[in-house]
Amino acid sequence: MSDPSRVAVVGVTGYAGYELARLLLRHPHIEKPTFFLRGPHANVHCLTDLFPQLRGWGDAPCRPLSVEAIATSGAEVAFLSTPHEVSLELVPALLAANPALRIVDLSGAFRFRKAETFTKWYKLPAPDAKALSETVYGLPELYADALPKARVVGNPGCYPTSVILGLRPLVEAAWINTARGIVCDCKSGVTGAGKDPKRDTHFVEVNENFRAYNLFTHRHTPEISDHLDLASENFVFTTHLLPVDRGILSTLYVWLGPSRKIEDVEALYRKFYAGRPMVRIMPAGSLPELLYVTHTNFCDIGFALDPSGERLVIVSCLDNLGKGAAGQAVQNLNGMRGYPETAGLI
């Protein structure tokens, strides 16, 4: 499909929402993004009034948020960069109001195969059953074939994207000795906590500090479990807050069985991600860094193997606002509409 798309964006005032606006305004196949605002911003007429840095990037009209306004806007795809509670209400309402509309939801509301998984971990009402049945988990490296017909795409979380991409080749090859445990040691920039003010993300709390949080209770745990086919008791997922704006670095520790050679590990990853332009495999012995992925949609993966060939460390690195959120949402749009996977991203 080469025709340009019209898109609607809800929730543009957050960090991921702004990143999404920035990408869509320069996307070669987007005809006219329209931004829908609520609350104190409902009367804003142009996005440049909120973000002057976007002046000169093209038309960025804003309208007050309503289901009817989106359904009748002419948009073919709606992006929801909204809180989980808002997406729970908007997704089924929009699908009912416009049967032709397709949705990319950046919240956690439609990421899980089973509704009870969401209610258990998020302590919120279950997502609409019909909408959930029409949802595809939006990790293109794994589920690209399902995107062209997807009515709803549940955009993955930033941490799970880094962990799943880092471990999936080993899981599918059955190279991991799961009985010896898996450790996912993950670190994120502060934008991953969202834009709403919180005590723990004030400058003086974050600057020159480094801390772990939500041990054994992080909401992204079941995404990792679902898409690596691992029971939660078979891995440890620990998250940390870095004193930087953006970026995620996940260090993943596994035991292999039987032992392998480093060139075999590299070959496995290169074969698995062949033709997937947003995943860059580092040469054996080289490791990713935040500096190389921030402000991009790449996930860089590198690894090191101990002399026994049994202990493997994988480092998976991405931008939490790029491949971990807005960039991945655009990558999903490309898959849904038949555009080149890298359109608007490189």
C-alpha atoms as a PDB file:
ATOM      1  CA  MET A   1       0.000   0.000   0.000  1.00  0.00           C
ATOM      2  CA  SER A   2       1.681   3.216  -1.168  1.00  0.00           C
ATOM      3  CA  ASP A   3      -1.108   5.732  -0.558  1.00  0.00           C
ATOM      4  CA  PRO A   4      -0.349   8.261   2.180  1.00  0.00           C
ATOM      5  CA  SER A   5      -2.061   7.746   5.519  1.00  0.00           C
ATOM      6  CA  ARG A   6      -3.991  10.145   7.687  1.00  0.00           C
ATOM      7  CA  VAL A   7      -3.395   9.587  11.382  1.00  0.00           C
ATOM      8  CA  ALA A   8      -4.761  10.824  14.684  1.00  0.00           C
ATOM      9  CA  VAL A   9      -2.598  11.132  17.787  1.00  0.00           C
ATOM     10  CA  VAL A  10      -3.997  11.240  21.326  1.00  0.00           C
ATOM     11  CA  GLY A  11      -1.730  11.997  24.270  1.00  0.00           C
ATOM     12  CA  VAL A  12       0.903  14.112  22.570  1.00  0.00           C
ATOM     13  CA  THR A  13       1.892  16.171  25.625  1.00  0.00           C
ATOM     14  CA  GLY A  14       3.941  13.392  27.273  1.00  0.00           C
ATOM     15  CA  TYR A  15       7.507  12.426  26.440  1.00  0.00           C
ATOM     16  CA  ALA A  16       6.524   9.510  24.182  1.00  0.00           C
ATOM     17  CA  GLY A  17       3.707  11.554  22.642  1.00  0.00           C
ATOM     18  CA  TYR A  18       6.037  14.379  21.681  1.00  0.00           C
ATOM     19  CA  GLU A  19       8.532  11.897  20.211  1.00  0.00           C
ATOM     20  CA  LEU A  20       5.686  10.368  18.202  1.00  0.00           C
ATOM     21  CA  ALA A  21       4.629  13.787  16.894  1.00  0.00           C
ATOM     22  CA  ARG A  22       8.207  14.561  15.884  1.00  0.00           C
ATOM     23  CA  LEU A  23       8.473  11.323  13.900  1.00  0.00           C
ATOM     24  CA  LEU A  24       5.059  11.539  12.244  1.00  0.00           C
ATOM     25  CA  LEU A  25       5.502  15.140  11.101  1.00  0.00           C
ATOM     26  CA  ARG A  26       8.503  14.026   9.043  1.00  0.00           C
ATOM     27  CA  HIS A  27       7.175  10.639   7.942  1.00  0.00           C
ATOM     28  CA  PRO A  28       7.241  10.419   4.127  1.00  0.00           C
ATOM     29  CA  HIS A  29       3.939   8.497   3.975  1.00  0.00           C
ATOM     30  CA  ILE A  30       1.864  10.529   6.436  1.00  0.00           C
ATOM     31  CA  GLU A  31      -0.409  13.032   4.790  1.00  0.00           C
ATOM     32  CA  LYS A  32      -1.685  14.971   7.767  1.00  0.00           C
ATOM     33  CA  PRO A  33      -1.392  14.038  11.439  1.00  0.00           C
ATOM     34  CA  THR A  34      -4.076  15.576  13.644  1.00  0.00           C
ATOM     35  CA  PHE A  35      -3.467  15.860  17.371  1.00  0.00           C
ATOM     36  CA  PHE A  36      -6.289  15.489  19.875  1.00  0.00           C
ATOM     37  CA  LEU A  37      -5.858  17.152  23.249  1.00  0.00           C
ATOM     38  CA  ARG A  38      -7.808  17.115  26.499  1.00  0.00           C
ATOM     39  CA  GLY A  39      -7.816  18.854  29.855  1.00  0.00           C
ATOM     40  CA  PRO A  40      -5.978  22.175  30.082  1.00  0.00           C
ATOM     41  CA  HIS A  41      -4.695  21.847  26.507  1.00  0.00           C
ATOM     42  CA  ALA A  42      -8.084  21.192  24.863  1.00  0.00           C
ATOM     43  CA  ASN A  43      -8.266  24.675  23.305  1.00  0.00           C
ATOM     44  CA  VAL A  44      -4.794  24.605  21.734  1.00  0.00           C
ATOM     45  CA  HIS A  45      -5.124  24.972  17.945  1.00  0.00           C
ATOM     46  CA  CYS A  46      -1.608  24.052  16.804  1.00  0.00           C
ATOM     47  CA  LEU A  47       0.949  21.769  18.373  1.00  0.00           C
ATOM     48  CA  THR A  48       3.654  24.390  17.895  1.00  0.00           C
ATOM     49  CA  ASP A  49       1.957  26.450  20.603  1.00  0.00           C
ATOM     50  CA  LEU A  50       2.997  23.720  23.047  1.00  0.00           C
ATOM     51  CA  PHE A  51       6.244  22.743  21.330  1.00  0.00           C
ATOM     52  CA  PRO A  52       7.821  25.744  19.537  1.00  0.00           C
ATOM     53  CA  GLN A  53      10.699  23.516  18.435  1.00  0.00           C
ATOM     54  CA  LEU A  54       8.319  21.970  15.877  1.00  0.00           C
ATOM     55  CA  ARG A  55       7.761  25.249  14.007  1.00  0.00           C
ATOM     56  CA  GLY A  56       8.445  24.850  10.321  1.00  0.00           C
ATOM     57  CA  TRP A  57       7.926  21.074  10.373  1.00  0.00           C
ATOM     58  CA  GLY A  58       4.523  21.259   8.666  1.00  0.00           C
ATOM     59  CA  ASP A  59       0.904  21.518   9.722  1.00  0.00           C
ATOM     60  CA  ALA A  60       0.224  20.226  13.227  1.00  0.00           C
ATOM     61  CA  PRO A  61      -3.462  20.976  13.859  1.00  0.00           C
ATOM     62  CA  CYS A  62      -4.966  20.210  17.253  1.00  0.00           C
ATOM     63  CA  ARG A  63      -8.586  19.484  18.160  1.00  0.00           C
ATOM     64  CA  PRO A  64     -10.377  18.812  21.440  1.00  0.00           C
ATOM     65  CA  LEU A  65     -10.472  15.115  22.241  1.00  0.00           C
ATOM     66  CA  SER A  66     -13.674  13.172  21.692  1.00  0.00           C
ATOM     67  CA  VAL A  67     -14.445   9.751  20.261  1.00  0.00           C
ATOM     68  CA  GLU A  68     -16.687  11.301  17.614  1.00  0.00           C
ATOM     69  CA  ALA A  69     -14.027  13.810  16.572  1.00  0.00           C
ATOM     70  CA  ILE A  70     -11.455  11.050  16.008  1.00  0.00           C
ATOM     71  CA  ALA A  71     -13.934   8.684  14.323  1.00  0.00           C
ATOM     72  CA  THR A  72     -15.002  11.349  11.817  1.00  0.00           C
ATOM     73  CA  SER A  73     -11.588  12.936  11.275  1.00  0.00           C
ATOM     74  CA  GLY A  74     -10.690  10.822   8.270  1.00  0.00           C
ATOM     75  CA  ALA A  75      -7.854   9.187  10.174  1.00  0.00           C
ATOM     76  CA  GLU A  76      -7.075   5.626   9.169  1.00  0.00           C
ATOM     77  CA  VAL A  77      -4.828   4.926  12.166  1.00  0.00           C
ATOM     78  CA  ALA A  78      -5.098   6.384  15.674  1.00  0.00           C
ATOM     79  CA  PHE A  79      -2.143   6.418  18.046  1.00  0.00           C
ATOM     80  CA  LEU A  80      -2.972   6.434  21.750  1.00  0.00           C
ATOM     81  CA  SER A  81      -0.113   7.658  23.939  1.00  0.00           C
ATOM     82  CA  THR A  82      -2.410   7.713  26.927  1.00  0.00           C
ATOM     83  CA  PRO A  83      -2.589   6.309  30.465  1.00  0.00           C
ATOM     84  CA  HIS A  84      -3.764   2.709  30.760  1.00  0.00           C
ATOM     85  CA  GLU A  85      -7.148   3.791  32.150  1.00  0.00           C
ATOM     86  CA  VAL A  86      -7.796   6.094  29.195  1.00  0.00           C
ATOM     87  CA  SER A  87      -6.843   3.471  26.612  1.00  0.00           C
ATOM     88  CA  LEU A  88      -9.137   0.937  28.271  1.00  0.00           C
ATOM     89  CA  GLU A  89     -12.069   3.237  27.480  1.00  0.00           C
ATOM     90  CA  LEU A  90     -10.953   4.736  24.179  1.00  0.00           C
ATOM     91  CA  VAL A  91      -9.973   1.599  22.267  1.00  0.00           C
ATOM     92  CA  PRO A  92     -13.376  -0.183  22.284  1.00  0.00           C
ATOM     93  CA  ALA A  93     -15.230   3.119  21.856  1.00  0.00           C
ATOM     94  CA  LEU A  94     -13.182   4.059  18.784  1.00  0.00           C
ATOM     95  CA  LEU A  95     -13.521   0.596  17.238  1.00  0.00           C
ATOM     96  CA  ALA A  96     -17.298   0.801  17.650  1.00  0.00           C
ATOM     97  CA  ALA A  97     -17.518   4.363  16.318  1.00  0.00           C
ATOM     98  CA  ASN A  98     -15.448   3.712  13.178  1.00  0.00           C
ATOM     99  CA  PRO A  99     -15.164   0.088  11.996  1.00  0.00           C
ATOM    100  CA  ALA A 100     -12.420   1.055   9.521  1.00  0.00           C
ATOM    101  CA  LEU A 101     -10.181   2.703  12.110  1.00  0.00           C
ATOM    102  CA  ARG A 102      -7.045   0.912  13.291  1.00  0.00           C
ATOM    103  CA  ILE A 103      -5.261   1.654  16.555  1.00  0.00           C
ATOM    104  CA  VAL A 104      -1.719   1.593  17.924  1.00  0.00           C
ATOM    105  CA  ASP A 105      -1.924   1.785  21.709  1.00  0.00           C
ATOM    106  CA  LEU A 106       1.225   2.734  23.601  1.00  0.00           C
ATOM    107  CA  SER A 107      -0.226   1.956  27.043  1.00  0.00           C
ATOM    108  CA  GLY A 108      -0.151  -1.418  28.755  1.00  0.00           C
ATOM    109  CA  ALA A 109      -3.914  -1.978  28.406  1.00  0.00           C
ATOM    110  CA  PHE A 110      -3.774  -4.327  25.401  1.00  0.00           C
ATOM    111  CA  ARG A 111      -0.332  -5.915  25.660  1.00  0.00           C
ATOM    112  CA  PHE A 112      -1.338  -9.234  27.177  1.00  0.00           C
ATOM    113  CA  ARG A 113      -2.839 -12.357  25.711  1.00  0.00           C
ATOM    114  CA  LYS A 114      -5.087 -12.877  28.719  1.00  0.00           C
ATOM    115  CA  ALA A 115      -7.199 -10.139  30.299  1.00  0.00           C
ATOM    116  CA  GLU A 116      -6.556 -11.521  33.774  1.00  0.00           C
ATOM    117  CA  THR A 117      -2.826 -10.909  33.354  1.00  0.00           C
ATOM    118  CA  PHE A 118      -3.482  -7.204  32.944  1.00  0.00           C
ATOM    119  CA  THR A 119      -5.881  -7.017  35.899  1.00  0.00           C
ATOM    120  CA  LYS A 120      -3.457  -8.894  38.162  1.00  0.00           C
ATOM    121  CA  TRP A 121      -0.427  -6.721  37.441  1.00  0.00           C
ATOM    122  CA  TYR A 122      -2.062  -3.339  36.806  1.00  0.00           C
ATOM    123  CA  LYS A 123      -4.915  -3.541  39.345  1.00  0.00           C
ATOM    124  CA  LEU A 124      -7.343  -2.105  36.773  1.00  0.00           C
ATOM    125  CA  PRO A 125     -10.508  -3.411  35.071  1.00  0.00           C
ATOM    126  CA  ALA A 126     -10.083  -6.002  32.339  1.00  0.00           C
ATOM    127  CA  PRO A 127      -9.700  -4.743  28.762  1.00  0.00           C
ATOM    128  CA  ASP A 128     -12.629  -5.165  26.390  1.00  0.00           C
ATOM    129  CA  ALA A 129     -12.719  -8.808  25.276  1.00  0.00           C
ATOM    130  CA  LYS A 130     -13.548  -8.117  21.614  1.00  0.00           C
ATOM    131  CA  ALA A 131     -10.842  -5.478  21.279  1.00  0.00           C
ATOM    132  CA  LEU A 132      -8.317  -7.766  22.973  1.00  0.00           C
ATOM    133  CA  SER A 133      -9.189 -10.578  20.552  1.00  0.00           C
ATOM    134  CA  GLU A 134      -8.280  -8.269  17.646  1.00  0.00           C
ATOM    135  CA  THR A 135      -4.975  -7.143  19.163  1.00  0.00           C
ATOM    136  CA  VAL A 136      -1.453  -8.019  17.984  1.00  0.00           C
ATOM    137  CA  TYR A 137       1.585  -7.532  20.212  1.00  0.00           C
ATOM    138  CA  GLY A 138       3.573  -4.931  18.337  1.00  0.00           C
ATOM    139  CA  LEU A 139       7.109  -6.278  18.280  1.00  0.00           C
ATOM    140  CA  PRO A 140       7.756  -6.305  14.504  1.00  0.00           C
ATOM    141  CA  GLU A 141      10.880  -8.458  14.726  1.00  0.00           C
ATOM    142  CA  LEU A 142       8.672 -11.285  15.981  1.00  0.00           C
ATOM    143  CA  TYR A 143       5.157 -10.601  14.722  1.00  0.00           C
ATOM    144  CA  ALA A 144       5.515  -8.638  11.474  1.00  0.00           C
ATOM    145  CA  ASP A 145       3.325 -11.110   9.584  1.00  0.00           C
ATOM    146  CA  ALA A 146       0.346 -10.296  11.812  1.00  0.00           C
ATOM    147  CA  LEU A 147       0.573  -6.503  11.501  1.00  0.00           C
ATOM    148  CA  PRO A 148      -1.051  -5.998   8.059  1.00  0.00           C
ATOM    149  CA  LYS A 149      -4.394  -7.347   9.327  1.00  0.00           C
ATOM    150  CA  ALA A 150      -4.197  -6.121  12.924  1.00  0.00           C
ATOM    151  CA  ARG A 151      -7.106  -3.988  14.086  1.00  0.00           C
ATOM    152  CA  VAL A 152      -5.317  -3.052  17.322  1.00  0.00           C
ATOM    153  CA  VAL A 153      -1.597  -3.133  18.057  1.00  0.00           C
ATOM    154  CA  GLY A 154      -0.460  -3.244  21.666  1.00  0.00           C
ATOM    155  CA  ASN A 155       2.865  -1.394  21.558  1.00  0.00           C
ATOM    156  CA  PRO A 156       5.359  -3.232  23.807  1.00  0.00           C
ATOM    157  CA  GLY A 157       6.913  -1.793  26.924  1.00  0.00           C
ATOM    158  CA  CYS A 158      10.446  -0.411  26.710  1.00  0.00           C
ATOM    159  CA  TYR A 159      12.075  -2.826  29.159  1.00  0.00           C
ATOM    160  CA  PRO A 160      10.406  -5.919  27.632  1.00  0.00           C
ATOM    161  CA  THR A 161      11.505  -4.879  24.146  1.00  0.00           C
ATOM    162  CA  SER A 162      15.135  -4.871  25.232  1.00  0.00           C
ATOM    163  CA  VAL A 163      14.873  -8.160  27.126  1.00  0.00           C
ATOM    164  CA  ILE A 164      12.770 -10.070  24.596  1.00  0.00           C
ATOM    165  CA  LEU A 165      14.940  -9.060  21.646  1.00  0.00           C
ATOM    166  CA  GLY A 166      18.035  -9.914  23.656  1.00  0.00           C
ATOM    167  CA  LEU A 167      16.911 -13.417  24.646  1.00  0.00           C
ATOM    168  CA  ARG A 168      14.459 -14.638  21.993  1.00  0.00           C
ATOM    169  CA  PRO A 169      17.059 -16.170  19.620  1.00  0.00           C
ATOM    170  CA  LEU A 170      18.473 -18.266  22.483  1.00  0.00           C
ATOM    171  CA  VAL A 171      15.015 -19.293  23.682  1.00  0.00           C
ATOM    172  CA  GLU A 172      13.868 -20.435  20.245  1.00  0.00           C
ATOM    173  CA  ALA A 173      17.108 -22.363  19.744  1.00  0.00           C
ATOM    174  CA  ALA A 174      16.682 -23.983  23.197  1.00  0.00           C
ATOM    175  CA  TRP A 175      20.252 -23.046  24.109  1.00  0.00           C
ATOM    176  CA  ILE A 176      19.517 -21.758  27.611  1.00  0.00           C
ATOM    177  CA  ASN A 177      19.820 -24.003  30.652  1.00  0.00           C
ATOM    178  CA  THR A 178      16.780 -22.483  32.386  1.00  0.00           C
ATOM    179  CA  ALA A 179      17.294 -24.666  35.461  1.00  0.00           C
ATOM    180  CA  ARG A 180      20.315 -22.505  36.353  1.00  0.00           C
ATOM    181  CA  GLY A 181      18.300 -19.301  36.157  1.00  0.00           C
ATOM    182  CA  ILE A 182      18.216 -16.154  34.033  1.00  0.00           C
ATOM    183  CA  VAL A 183      18.962 -12.660  35.311  1.00  0.00           C
ATOM    184  CA  CYS A 184      17.686  -9.574  33.502  1.00  0.00           C
ATOM    185  CA  ASP A 185      19.485  -6.566  34.973  1.00  0.00           C
ATOM    186  CA  CYS A 186      17.913  -3.481  33.354  1.00  0.00           C
ATOM    187  CA  LYS A 187      18.581   0.247  33.640  1.00  0.00           C
ATOM    188  CA  SER A 188      16.522   3.122  32.215  1.00  0.00           C
ATOM    189  CA  GLY A 189      16.644   6.872  31.817  1.00  0.00           C
ATOM    190  CA  VAL A 190      14.152   9.000  33.737  1.00  0.00           C
ATOM    191  CA  THR A 191      11.803   9.698  30.808  1.00  0.00           C
ATOM    192  CA  GLY A 192      10.697   6.080  31.162  1.00  0.00           C
ATOM    193  CA  ALA A 193       8.842   7.107  34.319  1.00  0.00           C
ATOM    194  CA  GLY A 194       6.603   9.510  32.391  1.00  0.00           C
ATOM    195  CA  LYS A 195       6.119  13.270  32.524  1.00  0.00           C
ATOM    196  CA  ASP A 196       3.786  13.600  35.496  1.00  0.00           C
ATOM    197  CA  PRO A 197       5.714  14.944  38.501  1.00  0.00           C
ATOM    198  CA  LYS A 198       6.699  12.328  41.079  1.00  0.00           C
ATOM    199  CA  ARG A 199       8.882  12.683  44.143  1.00  0.00           C
ATOM    200  CA  ASP A 200      11.244   9.924  43.035  1.00  0.00           C
ATOM    201  CA  THR A 201      11.919  11.601  39.676  1.00  0.00           C
ATOM    202  CA  HIS A 202      12.657  15.132  40.884  1.00  0.00           C
ATOM    203  CA  PHE A 203      16.050  16.354  39.713  1.00  0.00           C
ATOM    204  CA  VAL A 204      17.596  16.334  43.180  1.00  0.00           C
ATOM    205  CA  GLU A 205      16.394  12.752  43.770  1.00  0.00           C
ATOM    206  CA  VAL A 206      17.808  11.453  40.483  1.00  0.00           C
ATOM    207  CA  ASN A 207      20.954  13.507  39.940  1.00  0.00           C
ATOM    208  CA  GLU A 208      24.118  11.755  41.171  1.00  0.00           C
ATOM    209  CA  ASN A 209      21.967   8.826  42.260  1.00  0.00           C
ATOM    210  CA  PHE A 210      21.301   5.289  41.054  1.00  0.00           C
ATOM    211  CA  ARG A 211      18.689   2.960  42.495  1.00  0.00           C
ATOM    212  CA  ALA A 212      16.757  -0.236  41.930  1.00  0.00           C
ATOM    213  CA  TYR A 213      12.967  -0.270  42.130  1.00  0.00           C
ATOM    214  CA  ASN A 214       9.899  -2.538  41.932  1.00  0.00           C
ATOM    215  CA  LEU A 215      11.830  -5.735  42.561  1.00  0.00           C
ATOM    216  CA  PHE A 216       9.641  -8.794  41.781  1.00  0.00           C
ATOM    217  CA  THR A 217       6.637  -6.498  41.219  1.00  0.00           C
ATOM    218  CA  HIS A 218       7.415  -4.652  37.992  1.00  0.00           C
ATOM    219  CA  ARG A 219       4.461  -4.542  35.588  1.00  0.00           C
ATOM    220  CA  HIS A 220       6.623  -5.449  32.607  1.00  0.00           C
ATOM    221  CA  THR A 221       7.394  -8.904  34.034  1.00  0.00           C
ATOM    222  CA  PRO A 222       4.443 -10.695  32.378  1.00  0.00           C
ATOM    223  CA  GLU A 223       5.325  -9.300  28.932  1.00  0.00           C
ATOM    224  CA  ILE A 224       8.730 -10.927  29.213  1.00  0.00           C
ATOM    225  CA  SER A 225       7.148 -14.129  30.440  1.00  0.00           C
ATOM    226  CA  ASP A 226       4.555 -14.170  27.623  1.00  0.00           C
ATOM    227  CA  HIS A 227       6.945 -13.624  24.726  1.00  0.00           C
ATOM    228  CA  LEU A 228       9.847 -15.714  25.947  1.00  0.00           C
ATOM    229  CA  ASP A 229       7.580 -18.540  27.104  1.00  0.00           C
ATOM    230  CA  LEU A 230       9.248 -18.463  30.497  1.00  0.00           C
ATOM    231  CA  ALA A 231       7.535 -18.847  33.847  1.00  0.00           C
ATOM    232  CA  SER A 232       8.193 -15.785  36.006  1.00  0.00           C
ATOM    233  CA  GLU A 233       9.954 -17.971  38.591  1.00  0.00           C
ATOM    234  CA  ASN A 234      12.536 -18.940  35.966  1.00  0.00           C
ATOM    235  CA  PHE A 235      14.037 -15.457  35.642  1.00  0.00           C
ATOM    236  CA  VAL A 236      14.852 -12.430  37.763  1.00  0.00           C
ATOM    237  CA  PHE A 237      13.882  -9.055  36.283  1.00  0.00           C
ATOM    238  CA  THR A 238      15.388  -6.102  38.137  1.00  0.00           C
ATOM    239  CA  THR A 239      14.970  -2.495  37.038  1.00  0.00           C
ATOM    240  CA  HIS A 240      17.098   0.532  37.912  1.00  0.00           C
ATOM    241  CA  LEU A 241      16.768   4.285  37.390  1.00  0.00           C
ATOM    242  CA  LEU A 242      19.735   5.957  35.716  1.00  0.00           C
ATOM    243  CA  PRO A 243      20.465   9.687  36.167  1.00  0.00           C
ATOM    244  CA  VAL A 244      20.106  10.283  32.398  1.00  0.00           C
ATOM    245  CA  ASP A 245      17.221  11.506  30.236  1.00  0.00           C
ATOM    246  CA  ARG A 246      16.690   8.527  27.967  1.00  0.00           C
ATOM    247  CA  GLY A 247      17.937   5.094  27.023  1.00  0.00           C
ATOM    248  CA  ILE A 248      17.761   1.517  28.332  1.00  0.00           C
ATOM    249  CA  LEU A 249      20.659  -0.866  28.843  1.00  0.00           C
ATOM    250  CA  SER A 250      19.725  -4.433  29.763  1.00  0.00           C
ATOM    251  CA  THR A 251      22.437  -6.867  30.832  1.00  0.00           C
ATOM    252  CA  LEU A 252      21.135 -10.428  30.546  1.00  0.00           C
ATOM    253  CA  TYR A 253      22.899 -13.346  32.253  1.00  0.00           C
ATOM    254  CA  VAL A 254      22.255 -16.926  31.123  1.00  0.00           C
ATOM    255  CA  TRP A 255      23.820 -20.368  31.353  1.00  0.00           C
ATOM    256  CA  LEU A 256      24.066 -22.340  28.129  1.00  0.00           C
ATOM    257  CA  GLY A 257      23.688 -26.053  27.833  1.00  0.00           C
ATOM    258  CA  PRO A 258      25.650 -27.550  26.209  1.00  0.00           C
ATOM    259  CA  SER A 259      28.589 -25.132  25.921  1.00  0.00           C
ATOM    260  CA  ARG A 260      28.982 -23.032  22.764  1.00  0.00           C
ATOM    261  CA  LYS A 261      31.605 -21.041  20.891  1.00  0.00           C
ATOM    262  CA  ILE A 262      31.363 -17.266  20.581  1.00  0.00           C
ATOM    263  CA  GLU A 263      31.198 -17.434  16.790  1.00  0.00           C
ATOM    264  CA  ASP A 264      28.192 -19.783  17.080  1.00  0.00           C
ATOM    265  CA  VAL A 265      26.391 -17.285  19.311  1.00  0.00           C
ATOM    266  CA  GLU A 266      27.040 -14.430  16.902  1.00  0.00           C
ATOM    267  CA  ALA A 267      25.899 -16.551  13.942  1.00  0.00           C
ATOM    268  CA  LEU A 268      22.676 -17.455  15.761  1.00  0.00           C
ATOM    269  CA  TYR A 269      21.804 -13.817  16.394  1.00  0.00           C
ATOM    270  CA  ARG A 270      22.705 -12.679  12.897  1.00  0.00           C
ATOM    271  CA  LYS A 271      20.569 -15.390  11.324  1.00  0.00           C
ATOM    272  CA  PHE A 272      17.622 -14.690  13.643  1.00  0.00           C
ATOM    273  CA  TYR A 273      17.593 -10.958  12.913  1.00  0.00           C
ATOM    274  CA  ALA A 274      18.552 -11.133   9.246  1.00  0.00           C
ATOM    275  CA  GLY A 275      16.376  -8.682   7.342  1.00  0.00           C
ATOM    276  CA  ARG A 276      15.303  -6.880  10.531  1.00  0.00           C
ATOM    277  CA  PRO A 277      16.890  -3.436  10.040  1.00  0.00           C
ATOM    278  CA  MET A 278      16.100  -2.050  13.477  1.00  0.00           C
ATOM    279  CA  VAL A 279      18.219  -4.643  15.321  1.00  0.00           C
ATOM    280  CA  ARG A 280      21.989  -4.242  15.043  1.00  0.00           C
ATOM    281  CA  ILE A 281      24.165  -7.158  16.143  1.00  0.00           C
ATOM    282  CA  MET A 282      27.580  -6.119  17.423  1.00  0.00           C
ATOM    283  CA  PRO A 283      30.678  -8.138  16.483  1.00  0.00           C
ATOM    284  CA  ALA A 284      31.654 -10.668  19.144  1.00  0.00           C
ATOM    285  CA  GLY A 285      33.506  -8.908  21.936  1.00  0.00           C
ATOM    286  CA  SER A 286      31.942  -5.476  21.249  1.00  0.00           C
ATOM    287  CA  LEU A 287      29.190  -4.191  23.521  1.00  0.00           C
ATOM    288  CA  PRO A 288      26.448  -1.585  22.982  1.00  0.00           C
ATOM    289  CA  GLU A 289      26.285   1.742  24.768  1.00  0.00           C
ATOM    290  CA  LEU A 290      23.464   4.228  25.361  1.00  0.00           C
ATOM    291  CA  LEU A 291      25.315   6.847  23.349  1.00  0.00           C
ATOM    292  CA  TYR A 292      24.929   4.762  20.188  1.00  0.00           C
ATOM    293  CA  VAL A 293      21.147   4.289  20.374  1.00  0.00           C
ATOM    294  CA  THR A 294      19.605   7.403  21.929  1.00  0.00           C
ATOM    295  CA  HIS A 295      17.462   9.405  19.490  1.00  0.00           C
ATOM    296  CA  THR A 296      17.258   6.363  17.188  1.00  0.00           C
ATOM    297  CA  ASN A 297      14.945   3.387  16.719  1.00  0.00           C
ATOM    298  CA  PHE A 298      17.744   0.820  16.850  1.00  0.00           C
ATOM    299  CA  CYS A 299      18.180  -1.965  19.364  1.00  0.00           C
ATOM    300  CA  ASP A 300      21.872  -2.864  19.609  1.00  0.00           C
ATOM    301  CA  ILE A 301      22.777  -6.323  20.902  1.00  0.00           C
ATOM    302  CA  GLY A 302      26.216  -7.544  21.926  1.00  0.00           C
ATOM    303  CA  PHE A 303      27.495 -10.426  24.042  1.00  0.00           C
ATOM    304  CA  ALA A 304      30.437 -12.001  25.818  1.00  0.00           C
ATOM    305  CA  LEU A 305      31.049 -15.691  26.532  1.00  0.00           C
ATOM    306  CA  ASP A 306      33.242 -17.055  29.301  1.00  0.00           C
ATOM    307  CA  PRO A 307      36.080 -19.517  28.510  1.00  0.00           C
ATOM    308  CA  SER A 308      33.940 -22.524  29.478  1.00  0.00           C
ATOM    309  CA  GLY A 309      31.391 -21.641  26.795  1.00  0.00           C
ATOM    310  CA  GLU A 310      28.595 -21.934  29.353  1.00  0.00           C
ATOM    311  CA  ARG A 311      28.145 -18.461  30.844  1.00  0.00           C
ATOM    312  CA  LEU A 312      26.817 -15.944  28.332  1.00  0.00           C
ATOM    313  CA  VAL A 313      26.193 -12.254  28.989  1.00  0.00           C
ATOM    314  CA  ILE A 314      24.007 -10.390  26.488  1.00  0.00           C
ATOM    315  CA  VAL A 315      23.793  -6.593  26.451  1.00  0.00           C
ATOM    316  CA  SER A 316      20.685  -5.175  24.773  1.00  0.00           C
ATOM    317  CA  CYS A 317      20.497  -1.416  24.389  1.00  0.00           C
ATOM    318  CA  LEU A 318      17.813   0.940  23.010  1.00  0.00           C
ATOM    319  CA  ASP A 319      16.165   4.328  23.401  1.00  0.00           C
ATOM    320  CA  ASN A 320      13.149   4.004  25.695  1.00  0.00           C
ATOM    321  CA  LEU A 321      11.332   6.740  23.727  1.00  0.00           C
ATOM    322  CA  GLY A 322      12.428   5.369  20.338  1.00  0.00           C
ATOM    323  CA  LYS A 323      12.452   1.585  19.926  1.00  0.00           C
ATOM    324  CA  GLY A 324      10.909   1.393  23.393  1.00  0.00           C
ATOM    325  CA  ALA A 325       7.873   3.561  22.576  1.00  0.00           C
ATOM    326  CA  ALA A 326       7.242   6.085  19.777  1.00  0.00           C
ATOM    327  CA  GLY A 327       9.721   4.747  17.232  1.00  0.00           C
ATOM    328  CA  GLN A 328       8.341   1.249  17.649  1.00  0.00           C
ATOM    329  CA  ALA A 329       4.807   2.616  17.226  1.00  0.00           C
ATOM    330  CA  VAL A 330       5.838   4.128  13.882  1.00  0.00           C
ATOM    331  CA  GLN A 331       7.532   0.858  12.937  1.00  0.00           C
ATOM    332  CA  ASN A 332       4.207  -0.849  13.661  1.00  0.00           C
ATOM    333  CA  LEU A 333       2.352   1.696  11.519  1.00  0.00           C
ATOM    334  CA  ASN A 334       4.730   0.878   8.665  1.00  0.00           C
ATOM    335  CA  GLY A 335       3.949  -2.808   9.043  1.00  0.00           C
ATOM    336  CA  MET A 336       0.202  -2.210   9.220  1.00  0.00           C
ATOM    337  CA  ARG A 337       0.139  -0.004   6.111  1.00  0.00           C
ATOM    338  CA  GLY A 338       2.722  -1.829   4.006  1.00  0.00           C
ATOM    339  CA  TYR A 339       5.374   0.890   4.072  1.00  0.00           C
ATOM    340  CA  PRO A 340       9.110   0.161   4.261  1.00  0.00           C
ATOM    341  CA  GLU A 341       9.937  -0.842   7.827  1.00  0.00           C
ATOM    342  CA  THR A 342      12.388   2.014   8.247  1.00  0.00           C
ATOM    343  CA  ALA A 343      10.121   4.738   6.812  1.00  0.00           C
ATOM    344  CA  GLY A 344      10.229   7.847   8.971  1.00  0.00           C
ATOM    345  CA  LEU A 345      12.834   6.241  11.251  1.00  0.00           C
ATOM    346  CA  ILE A 346      16.117   6.455   9.340  1.00  0.00           C
END
